[in-house]
Amino acid sequence: MSLGTHLDELVEKHRALERTLEEEMQRPYADDLRIAALKKRKLHLKDEIQRIRDGEGLLQVH
């Protein structure tokens, strides 16, 4: 797998986590522990994406 493909997969996983997090937060009885875990995973992905972009000299995309 190329680094670009890996980066694309990480970005998609980050977006999917964002959608899941938004859905969980909209629930009437949202699970605070699940929300915290999702945020932690999302932050980990963001950090990994940034490390790859920094190493490759790629522009940051939000």
C-alpha atoms as a PDB file:
ATOM      1  CA  MET A   1       0.000   0.000   0.000  1.00  0.00           C
ATOM      2  CA  SER A   2       1.367   3.391  -0.936  1.00  0.00           C
ATOM      3  CA  LEU A   3       1.668   6.168   1.616  1.00  0.00           C
ATOM      4  CA  GLY A   4      -0.893   8.218  -0.304  1.00  0.00           C
ATOM      5  CA  THR A   5      -3.411   5.371  -0.173  1.00  0.00           C
ATOM      6  CA  HIS A   6      -2.772   4.904   3.540  1.00  0.00           C
ATOM      7  CA  LEU A   7      -3.269   8.633   4.104  1.00  0.00           C
ATOM      8  CA  ASP A   8      -6.550   8.574   2.154  1.00  0.00           C
ATOM      9  CA  GLU A   9      -7.785   5.674   4.302  1.00  0.00           C
ATOM     10  CA  LEU A  10      -6.862   7.485   7.510  1.00  0.00           C
ATOM     11  CA  VAL A  11      -8.668  10.642   6.353  1.00  0.00           C
ATOM     12  CA  GLU A  12     -11.796   8.605   5.540  1.00  0.00           C
ATOM     13  CA  LYS A  13     -11.663   6.874   8.930  1.00  0.00           C
ATOM     14  CA  HIS A  14     -11.370  10.303  10.580  1.00  0.00           C
ATOM     15  CA  ARG A  15     -14.459  11.523   8.684  1.00  0.00           C
ATOM     16  CA  ALA A  16     -16.393   8.379   9.611  1.00  0.00           C
ATOM     17  CA  LEU A  17     -15.497   8.844  13.273  1.00  0.00           C
ATOM     18  CA  GLU A  18     -16.684  12.454  13.070  1.00  0.00           C
ATOM     19  CA  ARG A  19     -20.052  11.299  11.710  1.00  0.00           C
ATOM     20  CA  THR A  20     -20.350   8.606  14.386  1.00  0.00           C
ATOM     21  CA  LEU A  21     -19.444  11.107  17.090  1.00  0.00           C
ATOM     22  CA  GLU A  22     -22.047  13.585  15.857  1.00  0.00           C
ATOM     23  CA  GLU A  23     -24.693  10.845  15.793  1.00  0.00           C
ATOM     24  CA  GLU A  24     -23.823   9.724  19.325  1.00  0.00           C
ATOM     25  CA  MET A  25     -23.967  13.274  20.636  1.00  0.00           C
ATOM     26  CA  GLN A  26     -27.456  13.721  19.123  1.00  0.00           C
ATOM     27  CA  ARG A  27     -28.861  10.766  21.039  1.00  0.00           C
ATOM     28  CA  PRO A  28     -31.116  11.709  23.972  1.00  0.00           C
ATOM     29  CA  TYR A  29     -29.083   9.563  26.375  1.00  0.00           C
ATOM     30  CA  ALA A  30     -25.645   9.826  24.835  1.00  0.00           C
ATOM     31  CA  ASP A  31     -22.989   7.519  26.251  1.00  0.00           C
ATOM     32  CA  ASP A  32     -20.304   9.812  27.664  1.00  0.00           C
ATOM     33  CA  LEU A  33     -17.735   7.014  27.797  1.00  0.00           C
ATOM     34  CA  ARG A  34     -18.328   6.149  24.138  1.00  0.00           C
ATOM     35  CA  ILE A  35     -18.089   9.819  23.182  1.00  0.00           C
ATOM     36  CA  ALA A  36     -14.769  10.130  25.021  1.00  0.00           C
ATOM     37  CA  ALA A  37     -13.429   6.989  23.320  1.00  0.00           C
ATOM     38  CA  LEU A  38     -14.516   8.233  19.890  1.00  0.00           C
ATOM     39  CA  LYS A  39     -12.859  11.596  20.489  1.00  0.00           C
ATOM     40  CA  LYS A  40      -9.657   9.891  21.581  1.00  0.00           C
ATOM     41  CA  ARG A  41      -9.599   7.672  18.464  1.00  0.00           C
ATOM     42  CA  LYS A  42     -10.348  10.683  16.257  1.00  0.00           C
ATOM     43  CA  LEU A  43      -7.498  12.669  17.811  1.00  0.00           C
ATOM     44  CA  HIS A  44      -5.119   9.737  17.366  1.00  0.00           C
ATOM     45  CA  LEU A  45      -6.027   9.558  13.666  1.00  0.00           C
ATOM     46  CA  LYS A  46      -5.608  13.306  13.278  1.00  0.00           C
ATOM     47  CA  ASP A  47      -2.132  13.104  14.814  1.00  0.00           C
ATOM     48  CA  GLU A  48      -1.168  10.195  12.558  1.00  0.00           C
ATOM     49  CA  ILE A  49      -2.452  12.038   9.482  1.00  0.00           C
ATOM     50  CA  GLN A  50      -0.456  15.116  10.441  1.00  0.00           C
ATOM     51  CA  ARG A  51       2.737  13.101  11.005  1.00  0.00           C
ATOM     52  CA  ILE A  52       2.412  11.606   7.525  1.00  0.00           C
ATOM     53  CA  ARG A  53       1.712  14.986   5.941  1.00  0.00           C
ATOM     54  CA  ASP A  54       4.637  16.575   7.769  1.00  0.00           C
ATOM     55  CA  GLY A  55       6.931  13.771   6.649  1.00  0.00           C
ATOM     56  CA  GLU A  56       5.818  14.016   3.051  1.00  0.00           C
ATOM     57  CA  GLY A  57       5.629  17.784   2.885  1.00  0.00           C
ATOM     58  CA  LEU A  58       1.936  17.592   1.995  1.00  0.00           C
ATOM     59  CA  LEU A  59      -0.471  20.431   2.645  1.00  0.00           C
ATOM     60  CA  GLN A  60      -2.886  20.103   5.505  1.00  0.00           C
ATOM     61  CA  VAL A  61      -6.504  19.672   4.405  1.00  0.00           C
ATOM     62  CA  HIS A  62      -9.398  20.198   6.813  1.00  0.00           C
END
